[in-house]
Amino acid sequence: MNNPFRLTSFRLIFIYTILLSLSVSLVLFYLYWTTERDLQVESDNKIIQEVEQLRRAYTSRFRTKDIRSLAIAVDSKSKLPTANLYMLLDLNENFITGNFNDPKELTRVKTDEDGWIEFTYKNLNDDNKTLSYARGREFTLQGGYRLIIGRSINNEIYLKERFFLALYGSVILILFLGIIGGYILSRNFLNRISAINKTSEEIMNGDLTQRLPTSSGNDELGKLSSNLNEMLDRINKLMTSMREVTDNLAHDLRTPLNKIRSNLEVTLMSDPEKNQYKKSIQEAIEEADNLIKTFNSILSISKVDSGTSDLEKTSIDVKELIDDLVDLYEPITEGKNILLKKDVKLGLKILGNKNLLSQALANLIENAINYGVNEVESVVVLGAKANSDDISIWVSDNGLGIKSSDKEKVLGRFTRLDSSRNTKGSGLGLNLVDSVVKFHRGKLKLLDAKPNGLLVLIDLPKSRSS
């Protein structure tokens, strides 16, 4: 990783570190400002108290221009072990008394508009005579005498220096730890991204068996990898299903086309009569009709599955729908010695497309007629009943039924339980039923009939008028 700023994760961590440093600086500066202000106010109040005491003493006891008693009071206060500073000067700025006595070294650092001054001084009570900082007030008395009263602000200055030192150190430490931590986290993040990119390249090269690495922490990147893996599983499943559908479709198209070609070729090679020509053409038309029916089924399923179909839903009387289907298929079942029964009550209504539901139920009836026969007595039942939340419609037979392991499989396109694919049909009947049920937001179940056979159950939402 030559340039860590190219990584989004490092940039985000770096920006967050800068913001954190600014936040810490603002908090520390606010604490310093409030503390320094409180200390200054306290110091100023004490100076004001001293000024007030000396002012009362001077105005009450020294109405004459005698300054000696005031000098005695200032001298006594100067010798007390406090932080207060005093200096009394005459008209010529000669030192009279106080605890710092060199007016030439008294430098006014700053003068406020309200008369407050900040200055440097050397304390007479300090053996080292170190330069100190103070804040106070200056007064001009009668006779030209000057009185300076102040307090040392060395502690405040020390606090300020320590604050800025702590501020600089904190910001540098935060930046250092943030950059190092961001670098480490970015390397870890980059390693995971590199593994995902490597796997993605293998998948793009055609190896759909590869899956993105996931972490045990179940973080956002791990969830993304898990979702993408599920998507790849789904894509792989669809690709496998598409290959199977393509193979089955090719086989189902080849068989009738070969049959048509063989019949026509035999007819041309022989010297048939008119009836033989007619028979061959009729068989070709029947096979072509089967092909057209297969393609129509595929188109119907695609329309329903895509959701782009403009099929309208209306309120459907279930009894009327079942009666129409029974009337349609009863002649066929009678010709094959199959008993077609219905079990439905009045007042059952569902919201759906009548043509789609009729086609789906017709497919189930045809499957029962073709594959649900019984050597003793074949019975096909078409029924419906109302439940608390939906309406159930079913078609059952008493044939051999379907194995539990094949019930999910038969709902796929071009799926036949006969691996040789020589049985009648296209393998699209149950797939169309499944698509129609999903279009109506219903549920499709393949159950075992009692005592034997298959029961196909469809649960559909009720119509509001039901």
Protein backbone atom coordinates (compact mmCIF):
# COMPACT_ATOMS: atom_id res chain seq x y z
CA MET A 1 0.00 0.00 0.00
CA ASN A 2 2.09 2.90 -1.30
CA ASN A 3 -0.40 5.70 -0.75
CA PRO A 4 -2.83 5.08 2.13
CA PHE A 5 -4.87 8.18 1.18
CA ARG A 6 -6.13 6.26 -1.87
CA LEU A 7 -8.15 4.09 0.51
CA THR A 8 -11.59 5.35 1.48
CA SER A 9 -11.31 3.76 4.92
CA PHE A 10 -8.02 5.57 5.68
CA ARG A 11 -9.38 8.89 4.43
CA LEU A 12 -12.46 8.53 6.64
CA ILE A 13 -10.34 7.66 9.68
CA PHE A 14 -7.99 10.58 8.96
CA ILE A 15 -10.88 13.04 8.65
CA TYR A 16 -12.41 11.68 11.83
CA THR A 17 -9.05 12.08 13.61
CA ILE A 18 -8.81 15.73 12.49
CA LEU A 19 -12.36 16.41 13.68
CA LEU A 20 -11.62 14.68 17.00
CA SER A 21 -8.49 16.80 17.44
CA LEU A 22 -10.44 19.98 16.77
CA SER A 23 -13.15 18.90 19.20
CA VAL A 24 -10.62 18.14 21.93
CA SER A 25 -8.90 21.48 21.29
CA LEU A 26 -12.17 23.38 21.55
CA VAL A 27 -13.12 21.62 24.78
CA LEU A 28 -9.72 22.24 26.37
CA PHE A 29 -9.71 25.88 25.21
CA TYR A 30 -13.18 26.39 26.69
CA LEU A 31 -12.03 24.89 30.01
CA TYR A 32 -8.96 27.13 29.99
CA TRP A 33 -10.96 30.24 29.15
CA THR A 34 -13.52 29.68 31.89
CA THR A 35 -10.82 28.81 34.47
CA GLU A 36 -8.61 31.77 33.53
CA ARG A 37 -11.60 34.12 33.61
CA ASP A 38 -12.70 32.90 37.07
CA LEU A 39 -9.16 33.28 38.46
CA GLN A 40 -8.86 36.79 37.03
CA VAL A 41 -12.22 37.83 38.44
CA GLU A 42 -11.25 36.48 41.85
CA SER A 43 -7.90 38.32 41.71
CA ASP A 44 -9.54 41.56 40.62
CA ASN A 45 -12.09 41.32 43.42
CA LYS A 46 -9.34 40.97 46.01
CA ILE A 47 -7.49 43.97 44.56
CA ILE A 48 -10.71 45.98 44.66
CA GLN A 49 -11.15 45.03 48.31
CA GLU A 50 -7.62 46.20 49.13
CA VAL A 51 -8.17 49.43 47.22
CA GLU A 52 -11.42 50.02 49.07
CA GLN A 53 -9.79 49.45 52.45
CA LEU A 54 -6.91 51.84 51.72
CA ARG A 55 -9.25 54.39 50.20
CA ARG A 56 -11.40 54.48 53.33
CA ALA A 57 -8.32 54.75 55.51
CA TYR A 58 -6.83 57.53 53.41
CA THR A 59 -10.04 59.60 53.18
CA SER A 60 -10.84 59.27 56.88
CA ARG A 61 -7.40 59.61 58.43
CA PHE A 62 -5.40 61.58 55.91
CA ARG A 63 -7.49 64.53 54.94
CA THR A 64 -4.34 66.59 55.30
CA LYS A 65 -1.49 66.01 52.89
CA ASP A 66 0.42 63.98 55.46
CA ILE A 67 1.26 60.65 53.80
CA ARG A 68 3.22 59.04 56.64
CA SER A 69 0.34 57.09 58.16
CA LEU A 70 -0.62 55.75 54.73
CA ALA A 71 2.98 54.73 54.16
CA ILE A 72 2.95 52.87 57.48
CA ALA A 73 -0.22 51.00 56.46
CA VAL A 74 1.18 50.12 53.05
CA ASP A 75 4.45 48.97 54.60
CA SER A 76 2.69 46.69 57.06
CA LYS A 77 0.59 45.13 54.30
CA SER A 78 3.68 44.67 52.11
CA LYS A 79 5.32 42.46 54.71
CA LEU A 80 2.38 40.05 54.91
CA PRO A 81 2.92 36.66 53.14
CA THR A 82 0.24 37.20 50.51
CA ALA A 83 0.15 37.56 46.74
CA ASN A 84 -0.73 41.26 47.02
CA LEU A 85 1.72 43.84 45.70
CA TYR A 86 2.12 47.42 46.93
CA MET A 87 4.23 50.42 45.88
CA LEU A 88 3.95 53.99 47.12
CA LEU A 89 5.84 56.68 45.13
CA ASP A 90 6.26 60.43 45.72
CA LEU A 91 5.86 63.21 43.19
CA ASN A 92 9.31 62.55 41.74
CA GLU A 93 8.62 58.83 41.50
CA ASN A 94 10.94 58.05 44.41
CA PHE A 95 10.17 54.84 46.22
CA ILE A 96 8.62 55.35 49.65
CA THR A 97 7.47 51.83 50.63
CA GLY A 98 6.15 48.60 49.26
CA ASN A 99 7.31 45.09 48.37
CA PHE A 100 8.91 45.99 45.00
CA ASN A 101 11.08 49.12 44.90
CA ASP A 102 12.51 49.70 41.41
CA PRO A 103 10.12 51.83 39.34
CA LYS A 104 12.55 51.70 36.39
CA GLU A 105 12.08 47.93 36.13
CA LEU A 106 8.33 48.26 36.43
CA THR A 107 7.18 47.77 32.88
CA ARG A 108 3.57 48.16 31.95
CA VAL A 109 2.77 45.23 29.74
CA LYS A 110 -0.81 46.16 29.03
CA THR A 111 -3.25 48.82 30.12
CA ASP A 112 -7.01 48.22 29.97
CA GLU A 113 -9.60 50.86 29.22
CA ASP A 114 -11.00 50.57 32.76
CA GLY A 115 -7.60 51.37 34.34
CA TRP A 116 -6.28 47.88 35.00
CA ILE A 117 -2.58 47.33 34.26
CA GLU A 118 -0.42 44.25 33.76
CA PHE A 119 3.30 44.64 34.54
CA THR A 120 6.53 42.85 35.48
CA TYR A 121 8.34 43.30 38.77
CA LYS A 122 10.94 41.93 41.21
CA ASN A 123 9.59 41.08 44.66
CA LEU A 124 11.67 42.37 47.59
CA ASN A 125 10.59 39.41 49.72
CA ASP A 126 11.97 36.99 47.12
CA ASP A 127 15.65 36.16 47.75
CA ASN A 128 16.15 35.19 44.09
CA LYS A 129 14.64 38.46 42.86
CA THR A 130 13.15 36.65 39.84
CA LEU A 131 11.08 38.56 37.33
CA SER A 132 7.37 38.08 37.95
CA TYR A 133 4.10 39.17 36.35
CA ALA A 134 1.29 41.05 38.05
CA ARG A 135 -2.04 42.73 37.46
CA GLY A 136 -3.33 45.73 39.41
CA ARG A 137 -4.51 49.34 39.61
CA GLU A 138 -2.64 52.66 39.82
CA PHE A 139 -3.99 55.67 41.74
CA THR A 140 -2.79 59.29 41.93
CA LEU A 141 -3.26 60.74 45.41
CA GLN A 142 -3.27 64.29 46.74
CA GLY A 143 0.11 65.86 46.57
CA GLY A 144 1.08 63.87 43.45
CA TYR A 145 1.72 60.64 45.31
CA ARG A 146 1.16 57.44 43.33
CA LEU A 147 -0.10 54.19 44.81
CA ILE A 148 0.09 50.89 42.88
CA ILE A 149 -1.86 47.89 44.20
CA GLY A 150 -1.75 44.54 42.39
CA ARG A 151 -1.54 40.76 42.64
CA SER A 152 0.84 38.26 41.13
CA ILE A 153 -0.49 36.42 38.04
CA ASN A 154 2.37 33.95 37.80
CA ASN A 155 -0.02 31.05 38.48
CA GLU A 156 -2.32 32.17 35.69
CA ILE A 157 0.58 32.41 33.24
CA TYR A 158 1.87 29.03 34.34
CA LEU A 159 -1.62 27.59 33.83
CA LYS A 160 -1.74 29.11 30.36
CA GLU A 161 1.63 27.66 29.40
CA ARG A 162 0.71 24.24 30.75
CA PHE A 163 -2.60 24.38 28.93
CA PHE A 164 -1.07 25.12 25.53
CA LEU A 165 1.57 22.47 26.14
CA ALA A 166 -1.13 19.94 26.98
CA LEU A 167 -3.16 21.09 23.98
CA TYR A 168 -0.27 20.66 21.54
CA GLY A 169 0.66 17.31 23.07
CA SER A 170 -2.93 16.02 22.96
CA VAL A 171 -3.43 17.04 19.33
CA ILE A 172 -0.12 15.50 18.27
CA LEU A 173 -0.87 12.29 20.20
CA ILE A 174 -4.37 12.03 18.74
CA LEU A 175 -3.08 12.62 15.21
CA PHE A 176 -0.30 10.09 15.69
CA LEU A 177 -2.54 7.38 17.14
CA GLY A 178 -5.27 8.14 14.58
CA ILE A 179 -2.92 7.89 11.60
CA ILE A 180 -1.23 4.72 12.90
CA GLY A 181 -4.59 3.15 13.79
CA GLY A 182 -6.05 4.19 10.44
CA TYR A 183 -3.09 2.67 8.64
CA ILE A 184 -3.46 -0.64 10.49
CA LEU A 185 -7.22 -0.78 10.01
CA SER A 186 -6.87 0.18 6.36
CA ARG A 187 -4.38 -2.62 5.76
CA ASN A 188 -6.79 -5.10 7.29
CA PHE A 189 -9.65 -3.67 5.24
CA LEU A 190 -7.50 -3.69 2.10
CA ASN A 191 -6.59 -7.35 2.63
CA ARG A 192 -10.27 -8.27 2.80
CA ILE A 193 -11.06 -6.17 -0.27
CA SER A 194 -8.15 -7.75 -2.15
CA ALA A 195 -9.47 -11.23 -1.34
CA ILE A 196 -12.93 -10.21 -2.58
CA ASN A 197 -11.47 -8.72 -5.79
CA LYS A 198 -9.42 -11.85 -6.44
CA THR A 199 -12.46 -14.07 -6.01
CA SER A 200 -14.56 -11.73 -8.17
CA GLU A 201 -12.02 -11.97 -10.99
CA GLU A 202 -12.17 -15.77 -10.84
CA ILE A 203 -15.97 -15.62 -10.98
CA MET A 204 -15.86 -13.21 -13.94
CA ASN A 205 -13.51 -15.64 -15.69
CA GLY A 206 -16.28 -18.25 -15.56
CA ASP A 207 -15.70 -20.15 -12.31
CA LEU A 208 -19.14 -19.78 -10.72
CA THR A 209 -18.24 -22.23 -7.95
CA GLN A 210 -16.04 -19.61 -6.23
CA ARG A 211 -17.53 -17.71 -3.29
CA LEU A 212 -16.50 -14.49 -1.58
CA PRO A 213 -14.71 -14.86 1.78
CA THR A 214 -16.79 -14.03 4.82
CA SER A 215 -15.72 -13.07 8.34
CA SER A 216 -16.91 -14.49 11.63
CA GLY A 217 -17.57 -10.99 12.98
CA ASN A 218 -20.65 -10.55 10.79
CA ASP A 219 -19.81 -6.93 10.05
CA GLU A 220 -21.06 -4.88 7.09
CA LEU A 221 -18.44 -6.27 4.72
CA GLY A 222 -19.20 -9.80 5.88
CA LYS A 223 -22.94 -9.26 5.37
CA LEU A 224 -22.25 -7.88 1.88
CA SER A 225 -20.14 -10.94 1.04
CA SER A 226 -22.86 -13.26 2.39
CA ASN A 227 -25.54 -11.50 0.31
CA LEU A 228 -23.37 -11.66 -2.80
CA ASN A 229 -22.69 -15.36 -2.16
CA GLU A 230 -26.42 -16.00 -1.91
CA MET A 231 -26.89 -14.08 -5.15
CA LEU A 232 -24.16 -16.19 -6.80
CA ASP A 233 -25.84 -19.36 -5.54
CA ARG A 234 -29.08 -18.16 -7.08
CA ILE A 235 -27.36 -17.25 -10.36
CA ASN A 236 -25.58 -20.60 -10.47
CA LYS A 237 -28.86 -22.36 -9.83
CA LEU A 238 -30.55 -20.36 -12.58
CA MET A 239 -27.70 -21.06 -14.99
CA THR A 240 -27.92 -24.78 -14.24
CA SER A 241 -31.69 -24.65 -14.63
CA MET A 242 -31.32 -22.76 -17.92
CA ARG A 243 -28.91 -25.38 -19.26
CA GLU A 244 -31.33 -28.13 -18.28
CA VAL A 245 -34.23 -26.25 -19.85
CA THR A 246 -32.23 -25.72 -23.04
CA ASP A 247 -31.32 -29.40 -23.22
CA ASN A 248 -34.90 -30.48 -22.53
CA LEU A 249 -36.30 -27.98 -25.00
CA ALA A 250 -33.90 -29.16 -27.70
CA HIS A 251 -34.93 -32.76 -27.05
CA ASP A 252 -38.65 -31.95 -27.02
CA LEU A 253 -38.39 -30.01 -30.27
CA ARG A 254 -36.22 -32.58 -32.00
CA THR A 255 -38.61 -35.47 -31.37
CA PRO A 256 -41.73 -34.03 -33.06
CA LEU A 257 -39.68 -32.47 -35.86
CA ASN A 258 -38.01 -35.81 -36.57
CA LYS A 259 -41.42 -37.47 -36.49
CA ILE A 260 -42.83 -34.93 -38.98
CA ARG A 261 -39.83 -35.33 -41.27
CA SER A 262 -39.96 -39.13 -41.11
CA ASN A 263 -43.67 -39.28 -41.91
CA LEU A 264 -43.29 -36.89 -44.84
CA GLU A 265 -40.17 -38.68 -46.10
CA VAL A 266 -41.88 -42.10 -45.99
CA THR A 267 -44.89 -40.66 -47.78
CA LEU A 268 -42.69 -39.22 -50.56
CA MET A 269 -40.65 -42.41 -50.97
CA SER A 270 -43.74 -44.63 -51.33
CA ASP A 271 -46.57 -44.47 -53.83
CA PRO A 272 -49.39 -43.73 -51.40
CA GLU A 273 -52.97 -43.18 -52.13
CA LYS A 274 -54.86 -40.00 -51.46
CA ASN A 275 -55.93 -41.14 -48.00
CA GLN A 276 -52.33 -41.87 -47.04
CA TYR A 277 -51.30 -38.36 -48.05
CA LYS A 278 -54.15 -37.00 -46.03
CA LYS A 279 -53.14 -39.07 -42.99
CA SER A 280 -49.51 -37.98 -43.17
CA ILE A 281 -50.47 -34.33 -43.45
CA GLN A 282 -52.88 -34.71 -40.52
CA GLU A 283 -50.16 -36.22 -38.34
CA ALA A 284 -47.79 -33.40 -39.29
CA ILE A 285 -50.43 -30.83 -38.36
CA GLU A 286 -50.96 -32.52 -34.98
CA GLU A 287 -47.24 -32.47 -34.21
CA ALA A 288 -47.02 -28.83 -35.31
CA ASP A 289 -49.97 -28.02 -33.04
CA ASN A 290 -48.12 -29.64 -30.13
CA LEU A 291 -45.08 -27.49 -30.88
CA ILE A 292 -47.22 -24.35 -31.04
CA LYS A 293 -48.88 -25.36 -27.77
CA THR A 294 -45.45 -25.75 -26.16
CA PHE A 295 -44.31 -22.33 -27.31
CA ASN A 296 -47.59 -20.76 -26.20
CA SER A 297 -47.12 -22.29 -22.76
CA ILE A 298 -43.59 -20.89 -22.57
CA LEU A 299 -44.83 -17.42 -23.55
CA SER A 300 -47.65 -17.58 -20.99
CA ILE A 301 -45.26 -18.59 -18.21
CA SER A 302 -42.81 -15.84 -19.18
CA LYS A 303 -45.55 -13.22 -19.17
CA VAL A 304 -46.80 -14.23 -15.74
CA ASP A 305 -43.30 -14.57 -14.24
CA SER A 306 -42.07 -11.23 -15.57
CA GLY A 307 -44.93 -9.32 -13.98
CA THR A 308 -45.28 -7.19 -17.13
CA SER A 309 -48.50 -8.84 -18.15
CA ASP A 310 -51.53 -6.55 -18.39
CA LEU A 311 -53.86 -9.30 -17.18
CA GLU A 312 -56.69 -7.87 -15.12
CA LYS A 313 -58.04 -9.35 -11.90
CA THR A 314 -61.78 -9.54 -11.31
CA SER A 315 -64.03 -11.24 -8.79
CA ILE A 316 -64.49 -14.88 -9.80
CA ASP A 317 -67.23 -17.25 -8.65
CA VAL A 318 -65.33 -20.43 -7.79
CA LYS A 319 -68.37 -22.72 -8.21
CA GLU A 320 -69.05 -21.33 -11.67
CA LEU A 321 -65.38 -21.79 -12.62
CA ILE A 322 -65.35 -25.44 -11.46
CA ASP A 323 -68.70 -26.20 -13.09
CA ASP A 324 -67.39 -24.95 -16.45
CA LEU A 325 -64.26 -27.12 -16.20
CA VAL A 326 -66.24 -30.22 -15.20
CA ASP A 327 -68.61 -29.72 -18.13
CA LEU A 328 -65.62 -29.36 -20.45
CA TYR A 329 -63.72 -32.48 -19.34
CA GLU A 330 -66.60 -34.77 -18.39
CA PRO A 331 -67.00 -36.16 -21.92
CA ILE A 332 -63.27 -36.93 -22.04
CA THR A 333 -63.24 -38.70 -18.67
CA GLU A 334 -66.33 -40.72 -19.55
CA GLY A 335 -64.63 -41.93 -22.71
CA LYS A 336 -61.66 -43.14 -20.61
CA ASN A 337 -63.80 -44.65 -17.83
CA ILE A 338 -62.61 -42.03 -15.33
CA LEU A 339 -65.05 -40.66 -12.76
CA LEU A 340 -64.83 -36.84 -12.59
CA LYS A 341 -66.35 -35.43 -9.40
CA LYS A 342 -66.73 -31.93 -7.97
CA ASP A 343 -66.96 -30.78 -4.36
CA VAL A 344 -67.69 -27.06 -4.07
CA LYS A 345 -70.16 -24.82 -2.24
CA LEU A 346 -71.93 -21.64 -3.24
CA GLY A 347 -70.68 -18.18 -2.34
CA LEU A 348 -66.95 -18.73 -2.82
CA LYS A 349 -65.32 -15.82 -4.61
CA ILE A 350 -61.68 -15.00 -5.33
CA LEU A 351 -59.95 -12.04 -6.96
CA GLY A 352 -58.00 -13.15 -10.01
CA ASN A 353 -57.75 -13.64 -13.75
CA LYS A 354 -60.28 -16.20 -14.90
CA ASN A 355 -58.41 -17.24 -18.04
CA LEU A 356 -55.18 -17.96 -16.14
CA LEU A 357 -56.94 -19.86 -13.37
CA SER A 358 -58.96 -21.86 -15.89
CA GLN A 359 -55.77 -22.79 -17.76
CA ALA A 360 -54.01 -23.78 -14.54
CA LEU A 361 -56.87 -25.97 -13.32
CA ALA A 362 -57.22 -27.46 -16.82
CA ASN A 363 -53.55 -28.47 -16.70
CA LEU A 364 -54.09 -30.17 -13.34
CA ILE A 365 -57.15 -32.03 -14.64
CA GLU A 366 -55.26 -33.18 -17.76
CA ASN A 367 -52.35 -34.37 -15.62
CA ALA A 368 -54.75 -36.32 -13.42
CA ILE A 369 -56.40 -37.87 -16.49
CA ASN A 370 -53.09 -38.77 -18.15
CA TYR A 371 -51.00 -39.83 -15.15
CA GLY A 372 -53.40 -40.42 -12.22
CA VAL A 373 -55.33 -43.40 -13.56
CA ASN A 374 -56.04 -46.48 -11.47
CA GLU A 375 -56.42 -49.98 -12.91
CA VAL A 376 -59.47 -50.69 -10.73
CA GLU A 377 -61.37 -47.38 -10.69
CA SER A 378 -59.96 -43.98 -11.62
CA VAL A 379 -61.40 -40.99 -9.80
CA VAL A 380 -60.55 -37.32 -10.30
CA VAL A 381 -61.98 -34.79 -7.85
CA LEU A 382 -62.11 -31.02 -8.42
CA GLY A 383 -63.13 -29.18 -5.26
CA ALA A 384 -62.98 -25.93 -3.28
CA LYS A 385 -63.63 -24.76 0.28
CA ALA A 386 -63.40 -21.57 2.30
CA ASN A 387 -60.84 -21.10 5.07
CA SER A 388 -60.50 -18.28 7.58
CA ASP A 389 -58.10 -16.23 5.44
CA ASP A 390 -58.23 -17.80 1.97
CA ILE A 391 -59.98 -20.23 -0.32
CA SER A 392 -58.53 -23.65 -1.17
CA ILE A 393 -58.99 -25.24 -4.59
CA TRP A 394 -57.71 -28.74 -5.24
CA VAL A 395 -57.50 -31.44 -7.86
CA SER A 396 -56.90 -35.01 -6.65
CA ASP A 397 -56.60 -38.44 -8.22
CA ASN A 398 -56.11 -41.98 -6.97
CA GLY A 399 -53.18 -42.95 -9.17
CA LEU A 400 -49.59 -43.69 -8.24
CA GLY A 401 -48.85 -40.16 -7.02
CA ILE A 402 -45.43 -38.48 -6.91
CA LYS A 403 -42.51 -39.26 -4.63
CA SER A 404 -41.75 -36.67 -1.95
CA SER A 405 -38.26 -36.15 -3.39
CA ASP A 406 -39.72 -35.27 -6.81
CA LYS A 407 -42.51 -32.89 -5.71
CA GLU A 408 -40.27 -29.80 -5.81
CA LYS A 409 -38.58 -30.93 -8.98
CA VAL A 410 -41.77 -31.35 -11.06
CA LEU A 411 -42.54 -27.62 -10.69
CA GLY A 412 -39.59 -26.75 -12.94
CA ARG A 413 -39.81 -26.10 -16.65
CA PHE A 414 -39.64 -29.07 -19.04
CA THR A 415 -39.45 -31.44 -16.08
CA ARG A 416 -40.62 -34.99 -16.61
CA LEU A 417 -40.30 -37.90 -14.23
CA ASP A 418 -39.67 -40.10 -17.26
CA SER A 419 -35.94 -39.63 -17.89
CA SER A 420 -36.31 -40.97 -21.45
CA ARG A 421 -38.80 -38.15 -22.17
CA ASN A 422 -40.90 -40.44 -24.30
CA THR A 423 -44.13 -39.86 -22.38
CA LYS A 424 -46.80 -37.51 -23.63
CA GLY A 425 -46.57 -33.85 -22.67
CA SER A 426 -44.08 -30.98 -22.61
CA GLY A 427 -43.23 -30.80 -18.92
CA LEU A 428 -44.68 -27.27 -18.64
CA GLY A 429 -48.05 -28.01 -17.04
CA LEU A 430 -47.14 -27.78 -13.35
CA ASN A 431 -44.67 -24.97 -14.02
CA LEU A 432 -47.48 -22.90 -15.53
CA VAL A 433 -49.68 -23.72 -12.53
CA ASP A 434 -46.93 -22.58 -10.17
CA SER A 435 -46.49 -19.29 -12.09
CA VAL A 436 -50.23 -18.61 -12.10
CA VAL A 437 -50.46 -19.23 -8.34
CA LYS A 438 -47.55 -16.85 -7.69
CA PHE A 439 -49.20 -14.25 -9.94
CA HIS A 440 -52.27 -14.42 -7.68
CA ARG A 441 -50.08 -14.28 -4.52
CA GLY A 442 -51.25 -17.72 -3.51
CA LYS A 443 -49.60 -20.96 -2.33
CA LEU A 444 -49.19 -24.24 -4.21
CA LYS A 445 -48.78 -27.57 -2.39
CA LEU A 446 -48.33 -31.09 -3.73
CA LEU A 447 -49.73 -33.54 -1.16
CA ASP A 448 -50.34 -37.24 -0.95
CA ALA A 449 -53.98 -38.17 -1.48
CA LYS A 450 -55.61 -40.80 0.73
CA PRO A 451 -55.39 -43.72 0.39
CA ASN A 452 -53.15 -43.12 -2.66
CA GLY A 453 -52.65 -40.67 -5.46
CA LEU A 454 -51.75 -36.97 -5.70
CA LEU A 455 -53.60 -33.95 -4.34
CA VAL A 456 -52.62 -30.55 -5.75
CA LEU A 457 -53.78 -27.82 -3.34
CA ILE A 458 -54.00 -24.12 -4.28
CA ASP A 459 -54.64 -21.49 -1.59
CA LEU A 460 -55.78 -18.14 -3.01
CA PRO A 461 -56.76 -14.87 -1.25
CA LYS A 462 -60.47 -14.24 -0.83
CA SER A 463 -62.29 -11.57 -2.77
CA ARG A 464 -63.73 -8.75 -0.64
CA SER A 465 -67.20 -9.75 -1.73
CA SER A 466 -66.67 -13.37 -0.66
